[in-house]
Amino acid sequence: MLPRLPVHDAQVPAAGTLNLDHVAHFVPDREAAAAALARLGFAATPFSEQFHRLQADGPLVPAGTGNRCVMLREGYLEFLTPFMDTPVANQLRESIARYTGVHLVAYGTADAEADHARLAAAGFDPLPPVRLQREADAPSGTTTVRFVVTRTPPGTMPEGRIQFCGHQTPEGVWQQRWLGHPNRAAGLRRVFLVLADPAEAATRYARYTGLPSGLVSGQAGTEFVQQTARGALHLMDTTAWQAQFDPDRALVPQALPWIAGYELSSDDLAATRAVLEAGGTPCTLLPDGRLRVMLPPELGGFILFSAGDAA
């Protein structure tokens, strides 16, 4: 059994709160994605096949998907690949047909039942909580990691798979050996969604999560920010996104809505830049001091790196 440490307890938010748990890229080629992550200076976990129970007391069956993860001291990044003919795998393929990149945002939760009740009361018709598990490499053999996921039917949230994730075995997910990265990435801070109507989305996300979304004033375009106990979602129109992060039009949205990218904290921003450029990835220094990195097509989207500890 793996030891439970403070870093593991920190991944589960306090009762009645949510945090920004992880984002997931949907990628068609798991080996190409792994090679791209290595060039970017991330130490990714080995590929792991996913299983789920279709009924609470039913047998484990293959989900038809698998992942590699980039584990951070706060949150993580997931890279999901379909490889079988299953409903779950085919949902990923439909999303990848729109664009390769981030299609999933997971709020961390301590109470899946409370999330389900809130979604039902708000008229979202939530699906029954899904109990997922997979085998993960451990220092001695393997360990089983378990999650409870609460989500709504496909299409309810047009931005992608927006769900709630309750970790039952964080010590198996956030293993110490996977938390250090050559590029010094430390924590997931923000996710950026580009939308045709941010005001509508802000109202909907407030009902979905029970958290308010505040309008950001004094800038080009329209942007709302939803703050969780750890991390934030930014709901933006294309004008706001381009003014802040893409004035050179380096990354044209392939489709709206679009989960464009996310911000990671770095323990050493100069080291981050050195590792990225040594791996052949150009960086753009934004006026506010953050680094913008356009991800290769194997992964899709962009990352901002910002200075400071993950806290």
Protein backbone atom coordinates (compact mmCIF):
# COMPACT_ATOMS: atom_id res chain seq x y z
CA MET A 1 0.00 0.00 0.00
CA LEU A 2 1.29 3.45 -0.92
CA PRO A 3 1.63 6.00 1.90
CA ARG A 4 -0.91 8.83 2.19
CA LEU A 5 0.96 12.16 2.37
CA PRO A 6 -0.11 15.81 2.72
CA VAL A 7 0.25 16.34 -1.04
CA HIS A 8 -2.41 13.65 -1.51
CA ASP A 9 -4.85 15.10 0.99
CA ALA A 10 -4.40 18.51 -0.66
CA GLN A 11 -5.90 17.19 -3.90
CA VAL A 12 -9.31 16.57 -2.32
CA PRO A 13 -11.15 19.85 -1.61
CA ALA A 14 -12.96 20.54 1.62
CA ALA A 15 -16.59 19.46 1.82
CA GLY A 16 -18.87 21.92 0.09
CA THR A 17 -16.12 23.33 -2.15
CA LEU A 18 -14.67 22.52 -5.57
CA ASN A 19 -11.20 22.87 -7.03
CA LEU A 20 -9.68 22.70 -10.48
CA ASP A 21 -8.64 19.06 -10.54
CA HIS A 22 -7.44 18.37 -14.08
CA VAL A 23 -7.86 18.92 -17.79
CA ALA A 24 -7.69 16.26 -20.49
CA HIS A 25 -6.43 16.43 -24.04
CA PHE A 26 -8.11 13.98 -26.42
CA VAL A 27 -5.34 12.75 -28.73
CA PRO A 28 -5.48 10.22 -31.58
CA ASP A 29 -1.93 8.81 -31.26
CA ARG A 30 -0.71 7.98 -27.78
CA GLU A 31 2.93 7.42 -28.77
CA ALA A 32 3.17 10.66 -30.73
CA ALA A 33 1.63 12.48 -27.77
CA ALA A 34 4.13 10.88 -25.38
CA ALA A 35 7.06 11.95 -27.55
CA ALA A 36 5.72 15.51 -27.72
CA LEU A 37 5.36 15.66 -23.92
CA ALA A 38 8.96 14.53 -23.49
CA ARG A 39 10.20 17.28 -25.84
CA LEU A 40 8.25 19.81 -23.76
CA GLY A 41 10.01 18.68 -20.59
CA PHE A 42 7.15 16.79 -18.94
CA ALA A 43 7.70 13.45 -17.19
CA ALA A 44 4.51 11.58 -18.12
CA THR A 45 3.23 8.42 -16.46
CA PRO A 46 3.13 5.13 -18.40
CA PHE A 47 0.07 4.41 -20.52
CA SER A 48 -2.79 2.92 -18.51
CA GLU A 49 -5.96 1.28 -19.83
CA GLN A 50 -9.22 2.39 -18.20
CA PHE A 51 -12.09 0.23 -16.93
CA HIS A 52 -15.52 1.10 -15.53
CA ARG A 53 -18.67 -0.47 -14.12
CA LEU A 54 -21.84 0.10 -16.10
CA GLN A 55 -23.85 -0.66 -12.95
CA ALA A 56 -22.77 -0.02 -9.37
CA ASP A 57 -22.56 -3.75 -8.62
CA GLY A 58 -21.69 -4.87 -12.16
CA PRO A 59 -18.43 -6.30 -13.48
CA LEU A 60 -15.52 -4.18 -14.62
CA VAL A 61 -15.47 -3.77 -18.39
CA PRO A 62 -12.96 -1.98 -20.65
CA ALA A 63 -13.82 1.63 -21.36
CA GLY A 64 -11.95 1.44 -24.65
CA THR A 65 -9.72 4.34 -23.65
CA GLY A 66 -6.43 4.80 -21.89
CA ASN A 67 -4.29 7.64 -20.64
CA ARG A 68 -0.96 9.06 -19.74
CA CYS A 69 -0.88 11.79 -17.12
CA VAL A 70 1.39 14.67 -16.18
CA MET A 71 1.10 14.84 -12.41
CA LEU A 72 1.60 18.21 -10.73
CA ARG A 73 1.80 19.17 -7.08
CA GLU A 74 -1.61 20.74 -7.60
CA GLY A 75 -3.84 19.05 -10.15
CA TYR A 76 -2.73 17.22 -13.25
CA LEU A 77 -2.95 16.96 -17.04
CA GLU A 78 -4.45 13.92 -18.75
CA PHE A 79 -3.88 12.71 -22.31
CA LEU A 80 -6.68 10.36 -23.35
CA THR A 81 -6.61 8.08 -26.39
CA PRO A 82 -9.38 5.84 -27.78
CA PHE A 83 -8.26 2.41 -28.97
CA MET A 84 -11.38 0.17 -28.97
CA ASP A 85 -14.89 0.31 -30.41
CA THR A 86 -16.89 1.31 -27.34
CA PRO A 87 -19.35 4.14 -26.69
CA VAL A 88 -16.82 6.00 -24.54
CA ALA A 89 -14.03 5.61 -27.10
CA ASN A 90 -16.30 6.73 -29.93
CA GLN A 91 -17.26 9.87 -27.97
CA LEU A 92 -13.54 10.72 -27.85
CA ARG A 93 -13.21 10.16 -31.59
CA GLU A 94 -16.12 12.52 -32.27
CA SER A 95 -14.41 15.21 -30.19
CA ILE A 96 -11.05 14.66 -31.88
CA ALA A 97 -12.77 15.12 -35.25
CA ARG A 98 -13.56 18.70 -34.11
CA TYR A 99 -10.01 19.33 -32.96
CA THR A 100 -7.12 17.64 -31.16
CA GLY A 101 -6.69 19.27 -27.77
CA VAL A 102 -8.44 19.83 -24.47
CA HIS A 103 -12.01 18.52 -24.37
CA LEU A 104 -12.42 17.82 -20.66
CA VAL A 105 -12.34 19.97 -17.54
CA ALA A 106 -12.76 18.21 -14.20
CA TYR A 107 -13.70 19.92 -10.98
CA GLY A 108 -12.33 18.17 -7.91
CA THR A 109 -14.99 17.29 -5.38
CA ALA A 110 -15.35 15.53 -2.05
CA ASP A 111 -19.04 14.64 -2.46
CA ALA A 112 -20.26 13.11 -5.73
CA GLU A 113 -23.76 12.66 -4.34
CA ALA A 114 -24.06 16.37 -3.53
CA ASP A 115 -22.89 17.27 -7.04
CA HIS A 116 -25.47 14.91 -8.52
CA ALA A 117 -28.26 16.41 -6.40
CA ARG A 118 -27.26 19.97 -7.34
CA LEU A 119 -27.18 19.15 -11.05
CA ALA A 120 -30.58 17.50 -10.86
CA ALA A 121 -32.08 20.45 -8.99
CA ALA A 122 -30.64 22.82 -11.62
CA GLY A 123 -32.27 20.86 -14.46
CA PHE A 124 -29.15 19.25 -15.94
CA ASP A 125 -30.42 15.63 -15.81
CA PRO A 126 -27.14 14.16 -14.51
CA LEU A 127 -26.10 10.62 -15.34
CA PRO A 128 -25.62 8.19 -12.44
CA PRO A 129 -22.17 8.60 -10.85
CA VAL A 130 -19.61 6.40 -12.62
CA ARG A 131 -17.05 4.45 -10.63
CA LEU A 132 -13.87 4.25 -12.67
CA GLN A 133 -10.69 2.42 -11.90
CA ARG A 134 -7.43 1.56 -13.59
CA GLU A 135 -4.17 -0.11 -12.75
CA ALA A 136 -1.27 2.29 -12.30
CA ASP A 137 2.43 1.51 -12.03
CA ALA A 138 3.73 1.61 -8.48
CA PRO A 139 7.30 1.39 -7.17
CA SER A 140 6.61 -2.27 -6.42
CA GLY A 141 4.28 -3.69 -9.06
CA THR A 142 0.96 -1.95 -9.65
CA THR A 143 -1.73 -0.23 -7.63
CA THR A 144 -5.44 0.22 -8.31
CA VAL A 145 -6.62 3.83 -8.48
CA ARG A 146 -10.32 4.64 -8.12
CA PHE A 147 -12.46 7.66 -8.93
CA VAL A 148 -16.11 8.61 -8.79
CA VAL A 149 -17.11 10.77 -11.76
CA THR A 150 -20.34 12.76 -12.02
CA ARG A 151 -21.28 14.08 -15.45
CA THR A 152 -24.24 15.01 -17.60
CA PRO A 153 -25.31 13.59 -20.99
CA PRO A 154 -23.08 14.43 -23.97
CA GLY A 155 -23.92 17.83 -25.42
CA THR A 156 -25.35 19.25 -22.20
CA MET A 157 -22.22 21.38 -21.86
CA PRO A 158 -21.27 22.16 -25.47
CA GLU A 159 -17.72 23.14 -24.49
CA GLY A 160 -16.81 19.52 -23.82
CA ARG A 161 -16.89 16.94 -21.07
CA ILE A 162 -17.30 19.11 -17.97
CA GLN A 163 -17.42 16.83 -14.96
CA PHE A 164 -16.79 16.34 -11.26
CA CYS A 165 -14.11 13.95 -10.07
CA GLY A 166 -13.83 12.51 -6.58
CA HIS A 167 -10.49 10.84 -5.87
CA GLN A 168 -10.70 7.80 -3.61
CA THR A 169 -7.01 6.85 -3.91
CA PRO A 170 -5.00 10.05 -4.51
CA GLU A 171 -1.84 8.38 -3.18
CA GLY A 172 -1.89 6.08 -6.23
CA VAL A 173 -2.33 8.97 -8.67
CA TRP A 174 0.03 11.59 -7.21
CA GLN A 175 3.06 9.36 -6.69
CA GLN A 176 6.11 11.33 -5.59
CA ARG A 177 8.26 10.01 -8.44
CA TRP A 178 5.97 11.62 -11.03
CA LEU A 179 5.78 15.11 -9.48
CA GLY A 180 9.13 16.46 -10.73
CA HIS A 181 9.45 17.72 -14.33
CA PRO A 182 12.50 19.02 -16.19
CA ASN A 183 10.44 22.07 -17.24
CA ARG A 184 9.66 22.78 -13.56
CA ALA A 185 5.86 22.73 -14.00
CA ALA A 186 4.21 22.73 -10.57
CA GLY A 187 0.47 23.39 -10.58
CA LEU A 188 -2.66 23.85 -12.69
CA ARG A 189 -3.85 27.44 -12.19
CA ARG A 190 -6.34 28.38 -14.90
CA VAL A 191 -8.26 27.03 -17.89
CA PHE A 192 -9.27 29.25 -20.82
CA LEU A 193 -12.48 28.60 -22.75
CA VAL A 194 -13.20 30.60 -25.91
CA LEU A 195 -16.92 31.01 -26.60
CA ALA A 196 -19.35 32.86 -28.83
CA ASP A 197 -21.41 34.01 -25.83
CA PRO A 198 -19.40 34.14 -22.56
CA ALA A 199 -22.32 35.72 -20.66
CA GLU A 200 -24.60 32.76 -21.38
CA ALA A 201 -21.83 30.33 -20.45
CA ALA A 202 -21.10 32.18 -17.20
CA THR A 203 -24.74 31.85 -16.11
CA ARG A 204 -24.80 28.16 -17.06
CA TYR A 205 -21.52 27.34 -15.32
CA ALA A 206 -22.76 29.08 -12.18
CA ARG A 207 -25.82 26.81 -12.14
CA TYR A 208 -23.67 23.78 -12.97
CA THR A 209 -21.19 24.27 -10.14
CA GLY A 210 -22.93 26.53 -7.63
CA LEU A 211 -20.01 28.97 -8.03
CA PRO A 212 -20.44 32.54 -9.35
CA SER A 213 -18.70 33.82 -12.46
CA GLY A 214 -17.62 37.47 -12.33
CA LEU A 215 -17.29 39.81 -15.29
CA VAL A 216 -13.78 41.19 -15.88
CA SER A 217 -13.96 44.89 -16.75
CA GLY A 218 -11.60 47.35 -18.39
CA GLN A 219 -10.28 45.18 -21.21
CA ALA A 220 -10.99 44.31 -24.82
CA GLY A 221 -13.77 41.80 -25.43
CA THR A 222 -15.84 39.97 -22.85
CA GLU A 223 -14.47 37.70 -20.12
CA PHE A 224 -15.95 36.08 -17.03
CA VAL A 225 -13.86 34.33 -14.35
CA GLN A 226 -15.12 31.54 -12.12
CA GLN A 227 -12.88 31.07 -9.09
CA THR A 228 -12.73 27.72 -7.29
CA ALA A 229 -11.02 26.91 -4.01
CA ARG A 230 -7.92 26.24 -6.13
CA GLY A 231 -7.76 27.41 -9.72
CA ALA A 232 -10.06 29.34 -12.04
CA LEU A 233 -11.98 29.04 -15.30
CA HIS A 234 -11.89 31.93 -17.76
CA LEU A 235 -14.85 32.20 -20.14
CA MET A 236 -13.81 34.50 -23.01
CA ASP A 237 -14.85 35.64 -26.44
CA THR A 238 -12.31 35.62 -29.28
CA THR A 239 -11.61 39.33 -28.90
CA ALA A 240 -10.60 38.97 -25.25
CA TRP A 241 -8.56 35.84 -25.93
CA GLN A 242 -6.64 37.31 -28.85
CA ALA A 243 -5.99 40.62 -27.06
CA GLN A 244 -4.44 38.85 -24.08
CA PHE A 245 -2.78 35.76 -25.46
CA ASP A 246 -2.72 35.75 -29.25
CA PRO A 247 -2.11 39.26 -30.66
CA ASP A 248 0.02 37.73 -33.43
CA ARG A 249 -2.82 35.36 -34.45
CA ALA A 250 -0.52 32.37 -34.01
CA LEU A 251 -3.32 29.96 -33.11
CA VAL A 252 -6.60 30.34 -34.98
CA PRO A 253 -9.60 28.65 -33.29
CA GLN A 254 -10.63 25.60 -35.27
CA ALA A 255 -14.13 25.57 -33.81
CA LEU A 256 -16.19 27.31 -31.15
CA PRO A 257 -16.72 26.57 -28.34
CA TRP A 258 -13.07 25.76 -27.74
CA ILE A 259 -11.15 24.83 -24.60
CA ALA A 260 -8.11 26.65 -25.83
CA GLY A 261 -5.53 25.99 -23.15
CA TYR A 262 -4.46 26.44 -19.55
CA GLU A 263 -1.96 28.07 -17.25
CA LEU A 264 0.63 26.21 -15.20
CA SER A 265 2.78 27.61 -12.43
CA SER A 266 6.52 27.08 -12.67
CA ASP A 267 9.03 26.77 -9.88
CA ASP A 268 11.66 28.44 -12.11
CA LEU A 269 10.39 30.27 -15.18
CA ALA A 270 13.87 30.78 -16.62
CA ALA A 271 14.51 27.04 -16.39
CA THR A 272 11.12 26.37 -17.97
CA ARG A 273 12.01 28.52 -20.96
CA ALA A 274 15.46 26.96 -21.31
CA VAL A 275 14.07 23.41 -21.33
CA LEU A 276 11.32 24.27 -23.82
CA GLU A 277 13.68 26.00 -26.23
CA ALA A 278 16.25 23.24 -25.93
CA GLY A 279 13.54 20.83 -27.00
CA GLY A 280 12.74 22.92 -30.07
CA THR A 281 9.61 24.63 -28.70
CA PRO A 282 9.56 28.41 -29.19
CA CYS A 283 8.20 30.56 -26.35
CA THR A 284 6.59 33.98 -26.49
CA LEU A 285 7.09 36.28 -23.50
CA LEU A 286 3.84 38.14 -22.89
CA PRO A 287 3.79 41.70 -21.49
CA ASP A 288 2.68 40.43 -18.07
CA GLY A 289 5.72 38.13 -17.79
CA ARG A 290 4.03 34.84 -18.59
CA LEU A 291 5.37 32.48 -21.24
CA ARG A 292 3.03 31.37 -24.02
CA VAL A 293 3.74 28.03 -25.60
CA MET A 294 1.84 26.84 -28.66
CA LEU A 295 1.57 23.07 -28.32
CA PRO A 296 2.42 20.79 -31.24
CA PRO A 297 -0.43 19.28 -33.29
CA GLU A 298 -0.02 15.95 -31.52
CA LEU A 299 -1.41 17.64 -28.38
CA GLY A 300 -3.25 20.78 -29.54
CA GLY A 301 -3.89 24.13 -27.84
CA PHE A 302 -1.56 26.28 -25.77
CA ILE A 303 -0.03 26.57 -22.29
CA LEU A 304 0.86 29.66 -20.32
CA PHE A 305 3.63 29.26 -17.76
CA SER A 306 3.66 31.73 -14.87
CA ALA A 307 6.21 32.30 -12.13
CA GLY A 308 5.61 31.26 -8.56
CA ASP A 309 4.88 28.28 -6.40
CA ALA A 310 1.78 26.22 -7.09
CA ALA A 311 0.06 27.51 -3.96
